[in-house]
C-alpha atoms as a PDB file:
ATOM      1  CA  MET A   1     108.641  90.938  86.979  1.00  0.00           C
ATOM      2  CA  LYS A   2     111.259  88.325  88.139  1.00  0.00           C
ATOM      3  CA  LEU A   3     111.990  85.912  90.633  1.00  0.00           C
ATOM      4  CA  LEU A   4     114.786  86.960  92.977  1.00  0.00           C
ATOM      5  CA  ASP A   5     116.947  84.154  95.709  1.00  0.00           C
ATOM      6  CA  ASP A   6     117.522  86.527  97.580  1.00  0.00           C
ATOM      7  CA  ASN A   7     116.080  85.733 100.308  1.00  0.00           C
ATOM      8  CA  THR A   8     118.178  87.459 103.075  1.00  0.00           C
ATOM      9  CA  HIS A   9     115.838  90.738 104.567  1.00  0.00           C
ATOM     10  CA  ALA A  10     112.407  91.637 105.562  1.00  0.00           C
ATOM     11  CA  ILE A  11     109.866  91.432 102.886  1.00  0.00           C
ATOM     12  CA  ASP A  12     106.935  93.076 102.285  1.00  0.00           C
ATOM     13  CA  LEU A  13     104.206  90.913 101.484  1.00  0.00           C
ATOM     14  CA  LEU A  14     102.014  93.688 100.448  1.00  0.00           C
ATOM     15  CA  THR A  15     103.737  94.735  97.583  1.00  0.00           C
ATOM     16  CA  THR A  16     106.366  91.895  96.883  1.00  0.00           C
ATOM     17  CA  PRO A  17     104.639  87.836  97.240  1.00  0.00           C
ATOM     18  CA  LEU A  18     106.648  84.629  97.523  1.00  0.00           C
ATOM     19  CA  HIS A  19     106.328  82.029  95.368  1.00  0.00           C
ATOM     20  CA  LEU A  20     106.945  78.659  97.301  1.00  0.00           C
ATOM     21  CA  GLY A  21     107.847  75.975  94.803  1.00  0.00           C
ATOM     22  CA  LEU A  22     109.262  72.573  93.794  1.00  0.00           C
ATOM     23  CA  GLY A  23     111.858  71.103  96.823  1.00  0.00           C
ATOM     24  CA  SER A  24     110.081  74.003  99.625  1.00  0.00           C
ATOM     25  CA  ARG A  25     112.323  77.077  97.149  1.00  0.00           C
ATOM     26  CA  ALA A  26     111.048  79.991  98.144  1.00  0.00           C
ATOM     27  CA  ARG A  27     111.315  83.189  96.271  1.00  0.00           C
ATOM     28  CA  GLN A  28     110.596  87.251  96.158  1.00  0.00           C
ATOM     29  CA  VAL A  29     108.401  87.566  92.973  1.00  0.00           C
ATOM     30  CA  ASP A  30     109.786  91.134  91.835  1.00  0.00           C
ATOM     31  CA  GLY A  31     107.355  93.183  89.659  1.00  0.00           C
ATOM     32  CA  PHE A  32     104.481  91.506  90.481  1.00  0.00           C
ATOM     33  CA  ALA A  33     100.903  92.524  89.470  1.00  0.00           C
ATOM     34  CA  PHE A  34      96.937  91.447  89.421  1.00  0.00           C
ATOM     35  CA  ASP A  35      97.296  92.648  85.716  1.00  0.00           C
ATOM     36  CA  PRO A  36      96.586  90.209  83.155  1.00  0.00           C
ATOM     37  CA  ALA A  37      99.869  90.291  81.315  1.00  0.00           C
ATOM     38  CA  VAL A  38     102.113  89.936  85.293  1.00  0.00           C
ATOM     39  CA  VAL A  39     100.172  86.980  85.563  1.00  0.00           C
ATOM     40  CA  ARG A  40     101.389  85.379  82.485  1.00  0.00           C
ATOM     41  CA  GLU A  41     104.750  85.967  83.589  1.00  0.00           C
ATOM     42  CA  TYR A  42     104.440  84.825  87.076  1.00  0.00           C
ATOM     43  CA  ALA A  43     102.935  81.248  85.288  1.00  0.00           C
ATOM     44  CA  GLU A  44     105.163  81.319  82.440  1.00  0.00           C
ATOM     45  CA  ALA A  45     108.374  81.756  84.957  1.00  0.00           C
ATOM     46  CA  VAL A  46     107.021  79.333  87.702  1.00  0.00           C
ATOM     47  CA  ALA A  47     105.600  75.868  85.388  1.00  0.00           C
ATOM     48  CA  GLU A  48     108.176  74.149  86.175  1.00  0.00           C
ATOM     49  CA  ASP A  49     106.381  73.996  90.125  1.00  0.00           C
ATOM     50  CA  GLY A  50     103.447  72.557  88.470  1.00  0.00           C
ATOM     51  CA  ALA A  51     100.344  71.820  90.816  1.00  0.00           C
ATOM     52  CA  GLU A  52     102.985  72.823  93.701  1.00  0.00           C
ATOM     53  CA  GLY A  53     103.155  75.919  93.078  1.00  0.00           C
ATOM     54  CA  ARG A  54     102.017  78.559  95.447  1.00  0.00           C
ATOM     55  CA  ILE A  55     101.566  82.322  95.706  1.00  0.00           C
ATOM     56  CA  VAL A  56     101.777  83.325  99.826  1.00  0.00           C
ATOM     57  CA  VAL A  57     100.989  87.463  99.729  1.00  0.00           C
ATOM     58  CA  VAL A  58      99.076  90.546 101.413  1.00  0.00           C
ATOM     59  CA  ILE A  59      95.831  91.909 101.103  1.00  0.00           C
ATOM     60  CA  ASP A  60      94.039  94.758 102.192  1.00  0.00           C
ATOM     61  CA  GLU A  61      89.479  94.420 101.243  1.00  0.00           C
ATOM     62  CA  GLU A  62      87.568  97.059 101.695  1.00  0.00           C
ATOM     63  CA  GLY A  63      83.719  95.917 100.764  1.00  0.00           C
ATOM     64  CA  PRO A  64      82.477  93.152  99.294  1.00  0.00           C
ATOM     65  CA  GLY A  65      84.592  91.520  96.221  1.00  0.00           C
ATOM     66  CA  ASP A  66      83.759  91.909  92.467  1.00  0.00           C
ATOM     67  CA  HIS A  67      85.080  88.900  91.550  1.00  0.00           C
ATOM     68  CA  TRP A  68      85.227  85.458  92.055  1.00  0.00           C
ATOM     69  CA  GLU A  69      87.736  82.525  91.666  1.00  0.00           C
ATOM     70  CA  ARG A  70      88.713  79.364  91.852  1.00  0.00           C
ATOM     71  CA  HIS A  71      92.107  76.541  91.771  1.00  0.00           C
ATOM     72  CA  PRO A  72      91.714  73.992  89.874  1.00  0.00           C
ATOM     73  CA  ALA A  73      95.140  72.404  90.560  1.00  0.00           C
ATOM     74  CA  GLY A  74      94.880  72.505  94.715  1.00  0.00           C
ATOM     75  CA  ASP A  75      93.426  74.124  98.132  1.00  0.00           C
ATOM     76  CA  GLU A  76      94.144  77.611  99.211  1.00  0.00           C
ATOM     77  CA  VAL A  77      94.201  79.268 102.522  1.00  0.00           C
ATOM     78  CA  ILE A  78      93.184  82.373 103.684  1.00  0.00           C
ATOM     79  CA  VAL A  79      94.153  83.670 106.669  1.00  0.00           C
ATOM     80  CA  CYS A  80      92.553  86.713 108.351  1.00  0.00           C
ATOM     81  CA  LEU A  81      95.340  89.483 109.654  1.00  0.00           C
ATOM     82  CA  SER A  82      92.918  92.028 111.147  1.00  0.00           C
ATOM     83  CA  GLY A  83      89.404  92.643 110.573  1.00  0.00           C
ATOM     84  CA  THR A  84      86.324  90.928 109.332  1.00  0.00           C
ATOM     85  CA  VAL A  85      85.534  89.304 105.894  1.00  0.00           C
ATOM     86  CA  SER A  86      82.863  86.674 104.602  1.00  0.00           C
ATOM     87  CA  VAL A  87      84.156  84.444 102.510  1.00  0.00           C
ATOM     88  CA  VAL A  88      81.464  82.534  99.842  1.00  0.00           C
ATOM     89  CA  ARG A  89      81.031  79.894  98.297  1.00  0.00           C
ATOM     90  CA  GLU A  90      79.217  77.954  94.931  1.00  0.00           C
ATOM     91  CA  ALA A  91      78.197  74.904  96.899  1.00  0.00           C
ATOM     92  CA  GLY A  92      76.017  74.050  93.461  1.00  0.00           C
ATOM     93  CA  GLU A  93      72.701  75.590  93.572  1.00  0.00           C
ATOM     94  CA  ARG A  94      72.879  77.132  97.074  1.00  0.00           C
ATOM     95  CA  THR A  95      76.202  79.909  98.262  1.00  0.00           C
ATOM     96  CA  GLU A  96      78.063  78.889 101.543  1.00  0.00           C
ATOM     97  CA  GLN A  97      79.322  81.576 103.921  1.00  0.00           C
ATOM     98  CA  VAL A  98      82.283  80.902 106.767  1.00  0.00           C
ATOM     99  CA  VAL A  99      83.031  84.959 108.538  1.00  0.00           C
ATOM    100  CA  LEU A 100      87.005  85.494 109.274  1.00  0.00           C
ATOM    101  CA  ARG A 101      88.098  87.634 112.452  1.00  0.00           C
ATOM    102  CA  GLN A 102      91.588  88.423 113.049  1.00  0.00           C
ATOM    103  CA  GLY A 103      93.611  84.898 113.007  1.00  0.00           C
ATOM    104  CA  GLU A 104      91.137  82.949 111.758  1.00  0.00           C
ATOM    105  CA  ALA A 105      91.823  80.827 108.849  1.00  0.00           C
ATOM    106  CA  THR A 106      89.626  79.029 105.698  1.00  0.00           C
ATOM    107  CA  VAL A 107      90.405  76.356 103.939  1.00  0.00           C
ATOM    108  CA  ASN A 108      88.480  77.431 100.015  1.00  0.00           C
ATOM    109  CA  PRO A 109      88.878  73.325  98.501  1.00  0.00           C
ATOM    110  CA  ALA A 110      90.698  72.646  94.819  1.00  0.00           C
ATOM    111  CA  GLY A 111      87.722  74.056  91.819  1.00  0.00           C
ATOM    112  CA  VAL A 112      85.512  75.937  94.351  1.00  0.00           C
ATOM    113  CA  TRP A 113      84.549  79.323  93.288  1.00  0.00           C
ATOM    114  CA  HIS A 114      84.203  81.519  96.202  1.00  0.00           C
ATOM    115  CA  ALA A 115      84.693  85.448  97.478  1.00  0.00           C
ATOM    116  CA  VAL A 116      85.520  87.129  99.768  1.00  0.00           C
ATOM    117  CA  ASP A 117      83.620  90.057 101.124  1.00  0.00           C
ATOM    118  CA  ALA A 118      85.037  92.243 103.886  1.00  0.00           C
ATOM    119  CA  ALA A 119      83.533  94.266 106.818  1.00  0.00           C
ATOM    120  CA  GLY A 120      85.349  97.661 107.201  1.00  0.00           C
ATOM    121  CA  PRO A 121      89.064  97.625 105.914  1.00  0.00           C
ATOM    122  CA  ALA A 122      90.726  93.998 106.438  1.00  0.00           C
ATOM    123  CA  ARG A 123      93.493  92.399 105.462  1.00  0.00           C
ATOM    124  CA  LEU A 124      94.087  88.767 104.594  1.00  0.00           C
ATOM    125  CA  LEU A 125      97.511  86.702 104.459  1.00  0.00           C
ATOM    126  CA  THR A 126      96.225  84.264 101.278  1.00  0.00           C
ATOM    127  CA  ILE A 127      99.005  81.155  99.680  1.00  0.00           C
ATOM    128  CA  THR A 128      96.834  80.173  96.363  1.00  0.00           C
ATOM    129  CA  PRO A 129      97.724  77.741  93.907  1.00  0.00           C
ATOM    130  CA  GLY A 130      98.507  79.797  90.109  1.00  0.00           C
ATOM    131  CA  LEU A 131      98.260  76.916  88.202  1.00  0.00           C
ATOM    132  CA  GLY A 132      95.114  77.280  86.049  1.00  0.00           C
ATOM    133  CA  THR A 133      93.088  80.019  88.348  1.00  0.00           C
ATOM    134  CA  GLU A 134      89.996  81.409  86.683  1.00  0.00           C
ATOM    135  CA  HIS A 135      88.700  84.716  87.363  1.00  0.00           C
ATOM    136  CA  ARG A 136      84.647  85.916  86.824  1.00  0.00           C
ATOM    137  CA  ARG A 137      82.648  88.659  87.223  1.00  0.00           C
ATOM    138  CA  ARG A 138      80.394  88.778  89.869  1.00  0.00           C
END
């Protein structure tokens, strides 16, 4: 995994996320994967951006999500590019759900556990604070 400053060509956000950092700096995250070791390496590489850093990635989803996550450092934006998804949030003893269709977005507030369930194939764009992100099995 390495951060690249060359942003002069098309970037496939399905395979190469962007990191948005301090000073409105955008860098490609070459070799990124949702693997614990790579995520740790990414976190170390962008640590100087602290709570202001964000990763922008496009994700294909299908079916119910298998984990909960939360982002203590800040809000996360989820944009539905195609398909339909339900963003489920834990709100104390109850859960709430927001249904997104193509072109719609929602904000997961900082520190709130959430999961995404797709009704068939769906594609999402996420803008996520990486600092301190937590996951747990659903």
